[in-house]
Amino acid sequence: GTPDAMASAELLGRERADVALIGHGHFQAL
């Protein structure tokens, strides 16, 4: 994905990603 978590969420769902490493900068997105 890209550092834009919300934009990447669509990609993750479409490609059926099941595991992700999330850095502190994306905690708010979670």
mmCIF file of all heavy atoms, coordinates in Angstrom:
data_MODEL
# 
_entry.id   MODEL 
# 
loop_
_atom_site.group_PDB 
_atom_site.id 
_atom_site.type_symbol 
_atom_site.label_atom_id 
_atom_site.label_alt_id 
_atom_site.label_comp_id 
_atom_site.label_asym_id 
_atom_site.label_entity_id 
_atom_site.label_seq_id 
_atom_site.pdbx_PDB_ins_code 
_atom_site.Cartn_x 
_atom_site.Cartn_y 
_atom_site.Cartn_z 
_atom_site.occupancy 
_atom_site.B_iso_or_equiv 
_atom_site.pdbx_formal_charge 
_atom_site.auth_seq_id 
_atom_site.auth_comp_id 
_atom_site.auth_asym_id 
_atom_site.auth_atom_id 
_atom_site.pdbx_PDB_model_num 
ATOM 1   N N   . GLY A 1 1  ? 0.822   -1.196  0.000  1.00 0.00 ? 1  GLY A N   1 
ATOM 2   C CA  . GLY A 1 1  ? 0.000   0.000   0.000  1.00 0.00 ? 1  GLY A CA  1 
ATOM 3   C C   . GLY A 1 1  ? 0.853   1.242   0.000  1.00 0.00 ? 1  GLY A C   1 
ATOM 4   O O   . GLY A 1 1  ? 2.033   1.211   -0.346 1.00 0.00 ? 1  GLY A O   1 
ATOM 5   N N   . THR A 1 2  ? 0.271   2.356   0.405  1.00 0.00 ? 2  THR A N   1 
ATOM 6   C CA  . THR A 1 2  ? 0.987   3.616   0.522  1.00 0.00 ? 2  THR A CA  1 
ATOM 7   C C   . THR A 1 2  ? 0.831   4.105   1.953  1.00 0.00 ? 2  THR A C   1 
ATOM 8   O O   . THR A 1 2  ? 0.009   3.574   2.712  1.00 0.00 ? 2  THR A O   1 
ATOM 9   C CB  . THR A 1 2  ? 0.417   4.674   -0.432 1.00 0.00 ? 2  THR A CB  1 
ATOM 10  O OG1 . THR A 1 2  ? -0.852  5.113   0.092  1.00 0.00 ? 2  THR A OG1 1 
ATOM 11  C CG2 . THR A 1 2  ? 0.215   4.111   -1.829 1.00 0.00 ? 2  THR A CG2 1 
ATOM 12  N N   . PRO A 1 3  ? 1.572   5.147   2.347  1.00 0.00 ? 3  PRO A N   1 
ATOM 13  C CA  . PRO A 1 3  ? 1.409   5.677   3.710  1.00 0.00 ? 3  PRO A CA  1 
ATOM 14  C C   . PRO A 1 3  ? 0.013   6.232   4.000  1.00 0.00 ? 3  PRO A C   1 
ATOM 15  O O   . PRO A 1 3  ? -0.324  6.465   5.158  1.00 0.00 ? 3  PRO A O   1 
ATOM 16  C CB  . PRO A 1 3  ? 2.472   6.780   3.779  1.00 0.00 ? 3  PRO A CB  1 
ATOM 17  C CG  . PRO A 1 3  ? 3.520   6.338   2.810  1.00 0.00 ? 3  PRO A CG  1 
ATOM 18  C CD  . PRO A 1 3  ? 2.761   5.721   1.683  1.00 0.00 ? 3  PRO A CD  1 
ATOM 19  N N   . ASP A 1 4  ? -0.798  6.458   2.966  1.00 0.00 ? 4  ASP A N   1 
ATOM 20  C CA  . ASP A 1 4  ? -2.180  6.895   3.172  1.00 0.00 ? 4  ASP A CA  1 
ATOM 21  C C   . ASP A 1 4  ? -3.013  5.675   3.542  1.00 0.00 ? 4  ASP A C   1 
ATOM 22  O O   . ASP A 1 4  ? -3.455  4.915   2.674  1.00 0.00 ? 4  ASP A O   1 
ATOM 23  C CB  . ASP A 1 4  ? -2.720  7.559   1.904  1.00 0.00 ? 4  ASP A CB  1 
ATOM 24  C CG  . ASP A 1 4  ? -4.118  8.145   2.090  1.00 0.00 ? 4  ASP A CG  1 
ATOM 25  O OD1 . ASP A 1 4  ? -4.847  7.694   3.002  1.00 0.00 ? 4  ASP A OD1 1 
ATOM 26  O OD2 . ASP A 1 4  ? -4.488  9.048   1.317  1.00 0.00 ? 4  ASP A OD2 1 
ATOM 27  N N   . ALA A 1 5  ? -3.228  5.478   4.840  1.00 0.00 ? 5  ALA A N   1 
ATOM 28  C CA  . ALA A 1 5  ? -3.861  4.250   5.316  1.00 0.00 ? 5  ALA A CA  1 
ATOM 29  C C   . ALA A 1 5  ? -5.279  4.075   4.779  1.00 0.00 ? 5  ALA A C   1 
ATOM 30  O O   . ALA A 1 5  ? -5.672  2.974   4.382  1.00 0.00 ? 5  ALA A O   1 
ATOM 31  C CB  . ALA A 1 5  ? -3.873  4.237   6.848  1.00 0.00 ? 5  ALA A CB  1 
ATOM 32  N N   . MET A 1 6  ? -6.065  5.160   4.775  1.00 0.00 ? 6  MET A N   1 
ATOM 33  C CA  . MET A 1 6  ? -7.448  5.026   4.330  1.00 0.00 ? 6  MET A CA  1 
ATOM 34  C C   . MET A 1 6  ? -7.518  4.680   2.849  1.00 0.00 ? 6  MET A C   1 
ATOM 35  O O   . MET A 1 6  ? -8.352  3.879   2.429  1.00 0.00 ? 6  MET A O   1 
ATOM 36  C CB  . MET A 1 6  ? -8.216  6.311   4.621  1.00 0.00 ? 6  MET A CB  1 
ATOM 37  C CG  . MET A 1 6  ? -8.401  6.582   6.113  1.00 0.00 ? 6  MET A CG  1 
ATOM 38  S SD  . MET A 1 6  ? -9.111  5.176   7.024  1.00 0.00 ? 6  MET A SD  1 
ATOM 39  C CE  . MET A 1 6  ? -10.711 5.051   6.238  1.00 0.00 ? 6  MET A CE  1 
ATOM 40  N N   . ALA A 1 7  ? -6.632  5.271   2.044  1.00 0.00 ? 7  ALA A N   1 
ATOM 41  C CA  . ALA A 1 7  ? -6.607  4.930   0.618  1.00 0.00 ? 7  ALA A CA  1 
ATOM 42  C C   . ALA A 1 7  ? -6.154  3.485   0.422  1.00 0.00 ? 7  ALA A C   1 
ATOM 43  O O   . ALA A 1 7  ? -6.665  2.770   -0.445 1.00 0.00 ? 7  ALA A O   1 
ATOM 44  C CB  . ALA A 1 7  ? -5.682  5.888   -0.126 1.00 0.00 ? 7  ALA A CB  1 
ATOM 45  N N   . SER A 1 8  ? -5.209  3.036   1.241  1.00 0.00 ? 8  SER A N   1 
ATOM 46  C CA  . SER A 1 8  ? -4.697  1.668   1.118  1.00 0.00 ? 8  SER A CA  1 
ATOM 47  C C   . SER A 1 8  ? -5.703  0.628   1.598  1.00 0.00 ? 8  SER A C   1 
ATOM 48  O O   . SER A 1 8  ? -5.626  -0.535  1.191  1.00 0.00 ? 8  SER A O   1 
ATOM 49  C CB  . SER A 1 8  ? -3.402  1.522   1.921  1.00 0.00 ? 8  SER A CB  1 
ATOM 50  O OG  . SER A 1 8  ? -2.374  2.296   1.354  1.00 0.00 ? 8  SER A OG  1 
ATOM 51  N N   . ALA A 1 9  ? -6.624  1.028   2.477  1.00 0.00 ? 9  ALA A N   1 
ATOM 52  C CA  . ALA A 1 9  ? -7.597  0.073   3.013  1.00 0.00 ? 9  ALA A CA  1 
ATOM 53  C C   . ALA A 1 9  ? -8.386  -0.596  1.895  1.00 0.00 ? 9  ALA A C   1 
ATOM 54  O O   . ALA A 1 9  ? -8.677  -1.795  1.951  1.00 0.00 ? 9  ALA A O   1 
ATOM 55  C CB  . ALA A 1 9  ? -8.538  0.776   3.990  1.00 0.00 ? 9  ALA A CB  1 
ATOM 56  N N   . GLU A 1 10 ? -8.740  0.169   0.858  1.00 0.00 ? 10 GLU A N   1 
ATOM 57  C CA  . GLU A 1 10 ? -9.475  -0.397  -0.277 1.00 0.00 ? 10 GLU A CA  1 
ATOM 58  C C   . GLU A 1 10 ? -8.656  -1.497  -0.950 1.00 0.00 ? 10 GLU A C   1 
ATOM 59  O O   . GLU A 1 10 ? -9.168  -2.562  -1.300 1.00 0.00 ? 10 GLU A O   1 
ATOM 60  C CB  . GLU A 1 10 ? -9.800  0.706   -1.294 1.00 0.00 ? 10 GLU A CB  1 
ATOM 61  C CG  . GLU A 1 10 ? -10.648 1.840   -0.758 1.00 0.00 ? 10 GLU A CG  1 
ATOM 62  C CD  . GLU A 1 10 ? -12.129 1.494   -0.720 1.00 0.00 ? 10 GLU A CD  1 
ATOM 63  O OE1 . GLU A 1 10 ? -12.488 0.358   -1.090 1.00 0.00 ? 10 GLU A OE1 1 
ATOM 64  O OE2 . GLU A 1 10 ? -12.911 2.368   -0.306 1.00 0.00 ? 10 GLU A OE2 1 
ATOM 65  N N   . LEU A 1 11 ? -7.355  -1.215  -1.143 1.00 0.00 ? 11 LEU A N   1 
ATOM 66  C CA  . LEU A 1 11 ? -6.459  -2.187  -1.769 1.00 0.00 ? 11 LEU A CA  1 
ATOM 67  C C   . LEU A 1 11 ? -6.361  -3.450  -0.914 1.00 0.00 ? 11 LEU A C   1 
ATOM 68  O O   . LEU A 1 11 ? -6.443  -4.575  -1.430 1.00 0.00 ? 11 LEU A O   1 
ATOM 69  C CB  . LEU A 1 11 ? -5.076  -1.570  -1.951 1.00 0.00 ? 11 LEU A CB  1 
ATOM 70  C CG  . LEU A 1 11 ? -3.951  -2.519  -2.384 1.00 0.00 ? 11 LEU A CG  1 
ATOM 71  C CD1 . LEU A 1 11 ? -4.165  -2.989  -3.814 1.00 0.00 ? 11 LEU A CD1 1 
ATOM 72  C CD2 . LEU A 1 11 ? -2.590  -1.837  -2.251 1.00 0.00 ? 11 LEU A CD2 1 
ATOM 73  N N   . LEU A 1 12 ? -6.178  -3.274  0.403  1.00 0.00 ? 12 LEU A N   1 
ATOM 74  C CA  . LEU A 1 12 ? -6.030  -4.425  1.294  1.00 0.00 ? 12 LEU A CA  1 
ATOM 75  C C   . LEU A 1 12 ? -7.265  -5.314  1.246  1.00 0.00 ? 12 LEU A C   1 
ATOM 76  O O   . LEU A 1 12 ? -7.158  -6.545  1.221  1.00 0.00 ? 12 LEU A O   1 
ATOM 77  C CB  . LEU A 1 12 ? -5.775  -3.950  2.723  1.00 0.00 ? 12 LEU A CB  1 
ATOM 78  C CG  . LEU A 1 12 ? -4.316  -3.749  3.139  1.00 0.00 ? 12 LEU A CG  1 
ATOM 79  C CD1 . LEU A 1 12 ? -3.572  -2.807  2.202  1.00 0.00 ? 12 LEU A CD1 1 
ATOM 80  C CD2 . LEU A 1 12 ? -4.244  -3.209  4.566  1.00 0.00 ? 12 LEU A CD2 1 
ATOM 81  N N   . GLY A 1 13 ? -8.442  -4.681  1.251  1.00 0.00 ? 13 GLY A N   1 
ATOM 82  C CA  . GLY A 1 13 ? -9.673  -5.464  1.194  1.00 0.00 ? 13 GLY A CA  1 
ATOM 83  C C   . GLY A 1 13 ? -9.833  -6.173  -0.136 1.00 0.00 ? 13 GLY A C   1 
ATOM 84  O O   . GLY A 1 13 ? -10.194 -7.360  -0.184 1.00 0.00 ? 13 GLY A O   1 
ATOM 85  N N   . ARG A 1 14 ? -9.546  -5.461  -1.232 1.00 0.00 ? 14 ARG A N   1 
ATOM 86  C CA  . ARG A 1 14 ? -9.722  -6.039  -2.566 1.00 0.00 ? 14 ARG A CA  1 
ATOM 87  C C   . ARG A 1 14 ? -8.781  -7.215  -2.795 1.00 0.00 ? 14 ARG A C   1 
ATOM 88  O O   . ARG A 1 14 ? -9.158  -8.224  -3.406 1.00 0.00 ? 14 ARG A O   1 
ATOM 89  C CB  . ARG A 1 14 ? -9.494  -4.957  -3.626 1.00 0.00 ? 14 ARG A CB  1 
ATOM 90  C CG  . ARG A 1 14 ? -9.742  -5.429  -5.044 1.00 0.00 ? 14 ARG A CG  1 
ATOM 91  C CD  . ARG A 1 14 ? -9.668  -4.292  -6.042 1.00 0.00 ? 14 ARG A CD  1 
ATOM 92  N NE  . ARG A 1 14 ? -8.308  -3.774  -6.195 1.00 0.00 ? 14 ARG A NE  1 
ATOM 93  C CZ  . ARG A 1 14 ? -7.913  -2.582  -5.801 1.00 0.00 ? 14 ARG A CZ  1 
ATOM 94  N NH1 . ARG A 1 14 ? -8.756  -1.771  -5.184 1.00 0.00 ? 14 ARG A NH1 1 
ATOM 95  N NH2 . ARG A 1 14 ? -6.663  -2.180  -6.006 1.00 0.00 ? 14 ARG A NH2 1 
ATOM 96  N N   . GLU A 1 15 ? -7.539  -7.102  -2.277 1.00 0.00 ? 15 GLU A N   1 
ATOM 97  C CA  . GLU A 1 15 ? -6.547  -8.164  -2.489 1.00 0.00 ? 15 GLU A CA  1 
ATOM 98  C C   . GLU A 1 15 ? -6.520  -9.184  -1.358 1.00 0.00 ? 15 GLU A C   1 
ATOM 99  O O   . GLU A 1 15 ? -5.621  -10.026 -1.285 1.00 0.00 ? 15 GLU A O   1 
ATOM 100 C CB  . GLU A 1 15 ? -5.161  -7.542  -2.667 1.00 0.00 ? 15 GLU A CB  1 
ATOM 101 C CG  . GLU A 1 15 ? -5.042  -6.623  -3.874 1.00 0.00 ? 15 GLU A CG  1 
ATOM 102 C CD  . GLU A 1 15 ? -5.373  -7.335  -5.176 1.00 0.00 ? 15 GLU A CD  1 
ATOM 103 O OE1 . GLU A 1 15 ? -5.118  -8.568  -5.280 1.00 0.00 ? 15 GLU A OE1 1 
ATOM 104 O OE2 . GLU A 1 15 ? -5.903  -6.676  -6.095 1.00 0.00 ? 15 GLU A OE2 1 
ATOM 105 N N   . ARG A 1 16 ? -7.472  -9.082  -0.435 1.00 0.00 ? 16 ARG A N   1 
ATOM 106 C CA  . ARG A 1 16 ? -7.683  -10.063 0.636  1.00 0.00 ? 16 ARG A CA  1 
ATOM 107 C C   . ARG A 1 16 ? -6.456  -10.211 1.544  1.00 0.00 ? 16 ARG A C   1 
ATOM 108 O O   . ARG A 1 16 ? -6.090  -11.320 1.940  1.00 0.00 ? 16 ARG A O   1 
ATOM 109 C CB  . ARG A 1 16 ? -8.103  -11.428 0.071  1.00 0.00 ? 16 ARG A CB  1 
ATOM 110 C CG  . ARG A 1 16 ? -9.276  -11.366 -0.875 1.00 0.00 ? 16 ARG A CG  1 
ATOM 111 C CD  . ARG A 1 16 ? -9.762  -12.738 -1.321 1.00 0.00 ? 16 ARG A CD  1 
ATOM 112 N NE  . ARG A 1 16 ? -8.717  -13.609 -1.778 1.00 0.00 ? 16 ARG A NE  1 
ATOM 113 C CZ  . ARG A 1 16 ? -8.124  -13.535 -2.971 1.00 0.00 ? 16 ARG A CZ  1 
ATOM 114 N NH1 . ARG A 1 16 ? -8.495  -12.590 -3.830 1.00 0.00 ? 16 ARG A NH1 1 
ATOM 115 N NH2 . ARG A 1 16 ? -7.183  -14.375 -3.316 1.00 0.00 ? 16 ARG A NH2 1 
ATOM 116 N N   . ALA A 1 17 ? -5.801  -9.098  1.861  1.00 0.00 ? 17 ALA A N   1 
ATOM 117 C CA  . ALA A 1 17 ? -4.662  -9.136  2.789  1.00 0.00 ? 17 ALA A CA  1 
ATOM 118 C C   . ALA A 1 17 ? -5.141  -9.629  4.151  1.00 0.00 ? 17 ALA A C   1 
ATOM 119 O O   . ALA A 1 17 ? -6.195  -9.211  4.638  1.00 0.00 ? 17 ALA A O   1 
ATOM 120 C CB  . ALA A 1 17 ? -4.046  -7.757  2.924  1.00 0.00 ? 17 ALA A CB  1 
ATOM 121 N N   . ASP A 1 18 ? -4.380  -10.539 4.759  1.00 0.00 ? 18 ASP A N   1 
ATOM 122 C CA  . ASP A 1 18 ? -4.821  -11.087 6.051  1.00 0.00 ? 18 ASP A CA  1 
ATOM 123 C C   . ASP A 1 18 ? -3.922  -10.693 7.226  1.00 0.00 ? 18 ASP A C   1 
ATOM 124 O O   . ASP A 1 18 ? -4.319  -10.803 8.382  1.00 0.00 ? 18 ASP A O   1 
ATOM 125 C CB  . ASP A 1 18 ? -4.970  -12.610 5.993  1.00 0.00 ? 18 ASP A CB  1 
ATOM 126 C CG  . ASP A 1 18 ? -3.721  -13.322 5.494  1.00 0.00 ? 18 ASP A CG  1 
ATOM 127 O OD1 . ASP A 1 18 ? -2.659  -12.681 5.400  1.00 0.00 ? 18 ASP A OD1 1 
ATOM 128 O OD2 . ASP A 1 18 ? -3.805  -14.524 5.196  1.00 0.00 ? 18 ASP A OD2 1 
ATOM 129 N N   . VAL A 1 19 ? -2.690  -10.218 6.952  1.00 0.00 ? 19 VAL A N   1 
ATOM 130 C CA  . VAL A 1 19 ? -1.788  -9.815  8.030  1.00 0.00 ? 19 VAL A CA  1 
ATOM 131 C C   . VAL A 1 19 ? -1.087  -8.526  7.618  1.00 0.00 ? 19 VAL A C   1 
ATOM 132 O O   . VAL A 1 19 ? -0.731  -8.356  6.448  1.00 0.00 ? 19 VAL A O   1 
ATOM 133 C CB  . VAL A 1 19 ? -0.762  -10.930 8.344  1.00 0.00 ? 19 VAL A CB  1 
ATOM 134 C CG1 . VAL A 1 19 ? 0.050   -11.308 7.119  1.00 0.00 ? 19 VAL A CG1 1 
ATOM 135 C CG2 . VAL A 1 19 ? 0.161   -10.517 9.493  1.00 0.00 ? 19 VAL A CG2 1 
ATOM 136 N N   . ALA A 1 20 ? -0.931  -7.599  8.574  1.00 0.00 ? 20 ALA A N   1 
ATOM 137 C CA  . ALA A 1 20 ? -0.298  -6.315  8.242  1.00 0.00 ? 20 ALA A CA  1 
ATOM 138 C C   . ALA A 1 20 ? 0.569   -5.849  9.397  1.00 0.00 ? 20 ALA A C   1 
ATOM 139 O O   . ALA A 1 20 ? 0.218   -6.021  10.564 1.00 0.00 ? 20 ALA A O   1 
ATOM 140 C CB  . ALA A 1 20 ? -1.350  -5.249  7.926  1.00 0.00 ? 20 ALA A CB  1 
ATOM 141 N N   . LEU A 1 21 ? 1.720   -5.251  9.050  1.00 0.00 ? 21 LEU A N   1 
ATOM 142 C CA  . LEU A 1 21 ? 2.561   -4.565  10.032 1.00 0.00 ? 21 LEU A CA  1 
ATOM 143 C C   . LEU A 1 21 ? 2.124   -3.107  10.059 1.00 0.00 ? 21 LEU A C   1 
ATOM 144 O O   . LEU A 1 21 ? 2.109   -2.432  9.023  1.00 0.00 ? 21 LEU A O   1 
ATOM 145 C CB  . LEU A 1 21 ? 4.034   -4.675  9.647  1.00 0.00 ? 21 LEU A CB  1 
ATOM 146 C CG  . LEU A 1 21 ? 5.023   -3.853  10.490 1.00 0.00 ? 21 LEU A CG  1 
ATOM 147 C CD1 . LEU A 1 21 ? 5.015   -4.321  11.935 1.00 0.00 ? 21 LEU A CD1 1 
ATOM 148 C CD2 . LEU A 1 21 ? 6.433   -3.941  9.909  1.00 0.00 ? 21 LEU A CD2 1 
ATOM 149 N N   . ILE A 1 22 ? 1.756   -2.613  11.235 1.00 0.00 ? 22 ILE A N   1 
ATOM 150 C CA  . ILE A 1 22 ? 1.221   -1.258  11.380 1.00 0.00 ? 22 ILE A CA  1 
ATOM 151 C C   . ILE A 1 22 ? 2.148   -0.456  12.291 1.00 0.00 ? 22 ILE A C   1 
ATOM 152 O O   . ILE A 1 22 ? 2.345   -0.802  13.458 1.00 0.00 ? 22 ILE A O   1 
ATOM 153 C CB  . ILE A 1 22 ? -0.200  -1.284  11.976 1.00 0.00 ? 22 ILE A CB  1 
ATOM 154 C CG1 . ILE A 1 22 ? -1.134  -2.123  11.094 1.00 0.00 ? 22 ILE A CG1 1 
ATOM 155 C CG2 . ILE A 1 22 ? -0.724  0.132   12.144 1.00 0.00 ? 22 ILE A CG2 1 
ATOM 156 C CD1 . ILE A 1 22 ? -1.439  -1.538  9.742  1.00 0.00 ? 22 ILE A CD1 1 
ATOM 157 N N   . GLY A 1 23 ? 2.715   0.624   11.761 1.00 0.00 ? 23 GLY A N   1 
ATOM 158 C CA  . GLY A 1 23 ? 3.542   1.517   12.558 1.00 0.00 ? 23 GLY A CA  1 
ATOM 159 C C   . GLY A 1 23 ? 2.699   2.510   13.325 1.00 0.00 ? 23 GLY A C   1 
ATOM 160 O O   . GLY A 1 23 ? 1.490   2.663   13.070 1.00 0.00 ? 23 GLY A O   1 
ATOM 161 N N   . HIS A 1 24 ? 3.347   3.204   14.268 1.00 0.00 ? 24 HIS A N   1 
ATOM 162 C CA  . HIS A 1 24 ? 2.617   4.134   15.132 1.00 0.00 ? 24 HIS A CA  1 
ATOM 163 C C   . HIS A 1 24 ? 1.852   5.186   14.335 1.00 0.00 ? 24 HIS A C   1 
ATOM 164 O O   . HIS A 1 24 ? 0.756   5.605   14.734 1.00 0.00 ? 24 HIS A O   1 
ATOM 165 C CB  . HIS A 1 24 ? 3.598   4.827   16.085 1.00 0.00 ? 24 HIS A CB  1 
ATOM 166 C CG  . HIS A 1 24 ? 2.934   5.837   16.962 1.00 0.00 ? 24 HIS A CG  1 
ATOM 167 N ND1 . HIS A 1 24 ? 2.932   7.181   16.672 1.00 0.00 ? 24 HIS A ND1 1 
ATOM 168 C CD2 . HIS A 1 24 ? 2.226   5.701   18.105 1.00 0.00 ? 24 HIS A CD2 1 
ATOM 169 C CE1 . HIS A 1 24 ? 2.269   7.839   17.605 1.00 0.00 ? 24 HIS A CE1 1 
ATOM 170 N NE2 . HIS A 1 24 ? 1.835   6.970   18.490 1.00 0.00 ? 24 HIS A NE2 1 
ATOM 171 N N   . GLY A 1 25 ? 2.386   5.612   13.197 1.00 0.00 ? 25 GLY A N   1 
ATOM 172 C CA  . GLY A 1 25 ? 1.725   6.629   12.391 1.00 0.00 ? 25 GLY A CA  1 
ATOM 173 C C   . GLY A 1 25 ? 0.364   6.220   11.870 1.00 0.00 ? 25 GLY A C   1 
ATOM 174 O O   . GLY A 1 25 ? -0.417  7.068   11.426 1.00 0.00 ? 25 GLY A O   1 
ATOM 175 N N   . HIS A 1 26 ? 0.057   4.909   11.907 1.00 0.00 ? 26 HIS A N   1 
ATOM 176 C CA  . HIS A 1 26 ? -1.233  4.418   11.418 1.00 0.00 ? 26 HIS A CA  1 
ATOM 177 C C   . HIS A 1 26 ? -2.158  3.950   12.542 1.00 0.00 ? 26 HIS A C   1 
ATOM 178 O O   . HIS A 1 26 ? -3.224  3.399   12.265 1.00 0.00 ? 26 HIS A O   1 
ATOM 179 C CB  . HIS A 1 26 ? -1.015  3.271   10.427 1.00 0.00 ? 26 HIS A CB  1 
ATOM 180 C CG  . HIS A 1 26 ? -0.416  3.712   9.126  1.00 0.00 ? 26 HIS A CG  1 
ATOM 181 N ND1 . HIS A 1 26 ? 0.661   3.072   8.548  1.00 0.00 ? 26 HIS A ND1 1 
ATOM 182 C CD2 . HIS A 1 26 ? -0.722  4.738   8.295  1.00 0.00 ? 26 HIS A CD2 1 
ATOM 183 C CE1 . HIS A 1 26 ? 0.983   3.678   7.421  1.00 0.00 ? 26 HIS A CE1 1 
ATOM 184 N NE2 . HIS A 1 26 ? 0.165   4.689   7.251  1.00 0.00 ? 26 HIS A NE2 1 
ATOM 185 N N   . PHE A 1 27 ? -1.755  4.156   13.794 1.00 0.00 ? 27 PHE A N   1 
ATOM 186 C CA  . PHE A 1 27 ? -2.617  3.732   14.901 1.00 0.00 ? 27 PHE A CA  1 
ATOM 187 C C   . PHE A 1 27 ? -3.969  4.438   14.843 1.00 0.00 ? 27 PHE A C   1 
ATOM 188 O O   . PHE A 1 27 ? -5.005  3.843   15.152 1.00 0.00 ? 27 PHE A O   1 
ATOM 189 C CB  . PHE A 1 27 ? -1.940  4.007   16.247 1.00 0.00 ? 27 PHE A CB  1 
ATOM 190 C CG  . PHE A 1 27 ? -0.900  2.986   16.643 1.00 0.00 ? 27 PHE A CG  1 
ATOM 191 C CD1 . PHE A 1 27 ? -0.427  2.057   15.740 1.00 0.00 ? 27 PHE A CD1 1 
ATOM 192 C CD2 . PHE A 1 27 ? -0.386  2.963   17.932 1.00 0.00 ? 27 PHE A CD2 1 
ATOM 193 C CE1 . PHE A 1 27 ? 0.537   1.120   16.090 1.00 0.00 ? 27 PHE A CE1 1 
ATOM 194 C CE2 . PHE A 1 27 ? 0.568   2.024   18.311 1.00 0.00 ? 27 PHE A CE2 1 
ATOM 195 C CZ  . PHE A 1 27 ? 1.039   1.113   17.385 1.00 0.00 ? 27 PHE A CZ  1 
ATOM 196 N N   . GLN A 1 28 ? -3.971  5.718   14.456 1.00 0.00 ? 28 GLN A N   1 
ATOM 197 C CA  . GLN A 1 28 ? -5.234  6.451   14.374 1.00 0.00 ? 28 GLN A CA  1 
ATOM 198 C C   . GLN A 1 28 ? -6.161  5.849   13.323 1.00 0.00 ? 28 GLN A C   1 
ATOM 199 O O   . GLN A 1 28 ? -7.378  5.811   13.511 1.00 0.00 ? 28 GLN A O   1 
ATOM 200 C CB  . GLN A 1 28 ? -4.979  7.925   14.061 1.00 0.00 ? 28 GLN A CB  1 
ATOM 201 C CG  . GLN A 1 28 ? -4.532  8.740   15.275 1.00 0.00 ? 28 GLN A CG  1 
ATOM 202 C CD  . GLN A 1 28 ? -4.479  10.230  14.980 1.00 0.00 ? 28 GLN A CD  1 
ATOM 203 O OE1 . GLN A 1 28 ? -4.053  10.631  13.900 1.00 0.00 ? 28 GLN A OE1 1 
ATOM 204 N NE2 . GLN A 1 28 ? -4.918  11.039  15.933 1.00 0.00 ? 28 GLN A NE2 1 
ATOM 205 N N   . ALA A 1 29 ? -5.577  5.370   12.227 1.00 0.00 ? 29 ALA A N   1 
ATOM 206 C CA  . ALA A 1 29 ? -6.407  4.741   11.190 1.00 0.00 ? 29 ALA A CA  1 
ATOM 207 C C   . ALA A 1 29 ? -7.079  3.484   11.722 1.00 0.00 ? 29 ALA A C   1 
ATOM 208 O O   . ALA A 1 29 ? -8.246  3.207   11.404 1.00 0.00 ? 29 ALA A O   1 
ATOM 209 C CB  . ALA A 1 29 ? -5.552  4.409   9.969  1.00 0.00 ? 29 ALA A CB  1 
ATOM 210 N N   . LEU A 1 30 ? -6.369  2.715   12.553 1.00 0.00 ? 30 LEU A N   1 
ATOM 211 C CA  . LEU A 1 30 ? -6.959  1.501   13.126 1.00 0.00 ? 30 LEU A CA  1 
ATOM 212 C C   . LEU A 1 30 ? -8.148  1.832   14.018 1.00 0.00 ? 30 LEU A C   1 
ATOM 213 O O   . LEU A 1 30 ? -9.077  1.025   14.146 1.00 0.00 ? 30 LEU A O   1 
ATOM 214 C CB  . LEU A 1 30 ? -5.913  0.729   13.944 1.00 0.00 ? 30 LEU A CB  1 
ATOM 215 C CG  . LEU A 1 30 ? -4.750  0.086   13.190 1.00 0.00 ? 30 LEU A CG  1 
ATOM 216 C CD1 . LEU A 1 30 ? -3.858  -0.671  14.175 1.00 0.00 ? 30 LEU A CD1 1 
ATOM 217 C CD2 . LEU A 1 30 ? -5.259  -0.858  12.113 1.00 0.00 ? 30 LEU A CD2 1 
# 
